[in-house]
Amino acid sequence: RGGPKGVGDAVNQSVVITFMLLFFVNMVLTAIYLQIVPAKGG
């Protein structure tokens, strides 16, 4: 454990987690946005 391969695995994992978080946040914000905007009577 450790060395360049350990660093690469850690970076890979954090990138995957970051993308999943961004995707989830984007979905939540979109759902909230779609519920709020039509309420204004666009």
Protein backbone atom coordinates (compact mmCIF):
# COMPACT_ATOMS: atom_id res chain seq x y z
CA ARG A 1 0.00 0.00 0.00
CA GLY A 2 1.21 3.53 -0.75
CA GLY A 3 3.42 4.82 -3.51
CA PRO A 4 2.19 6.19 -6.85
CA LYS A 5 -0.43 3.46 -7.24
CA GLY A 6 -1.98 4.28 -3.86
CA VAL A 7 -2.12 7.96 -4.80
CA GLY A 8 -3.69 7.11 -8.16
CA ASP A 9 -6.36 4.96 -6.51
CA ALA A 10 -7.16 7.70 -3.99
CA VAL A 11 -7.46 10.30 -6.75
CA ASN A 12 -9.66 7.97 -8.80
CA GLN A 13 -11.98 7.35 -5.87
CA SER A 14 -12.28 11.04 -4.98
CA VAL A 15 -13.02 11.92 -8.62
CA VAL A 16 -15.80 9.32 -8.78
CA ILE A 17 -17.29 10.52 -5.49
CA THR A 18 -17.11 14.15 -6.65
CA PHE A 19 -18.91 13.34 -9.92
CA MET A 20 -21.61 11.41 -8.04
CA LEU A 21 -22.10 14.32 -5.64
CA LEU A 22 -22.30 16.83 -8.49
CA PHE A 23 -24.81 14.64 -10.33
CA PHE A 24 -26.95 14.27 -7.20
CA VAL A 25 -26.86 17.99 -6.37
CA ASN A 26 -27.70 18.84 -9.98
CA MET A 27 -30.74 16.53 -9.90
CA VAL A 28 -31.98 18.00 -6.61
CA LEU A 29 -31.54 21.60 -7.79
CA THR A 30 -33.32 20.80 -11.06
CA ALA A 31 -36.25 19.22 -9.20
CA ILE A 32 -36.54 22.24 -6.89
CA TYR A 33 -36.22 24.65 -9.81
CA LEU A 34 -38.95 22.88 -11.80
CA GLN A 35 -41.27 23.04 -8.79
CA ILE A 36 -40.64 26.71 -8.02
CA VAL A 37 -40.62 28.28 -11.51
CA PRO A 38 -44.08 27.15 -12.77
CA ALA A 39 -45.56 28.39 -9.47
CA LYS A 40 -44.72 31.94 -10.56
CA GLY A 41 -46.97 31.52 -13.61
CA GLY A 42 -44.37 31.87 -16.32
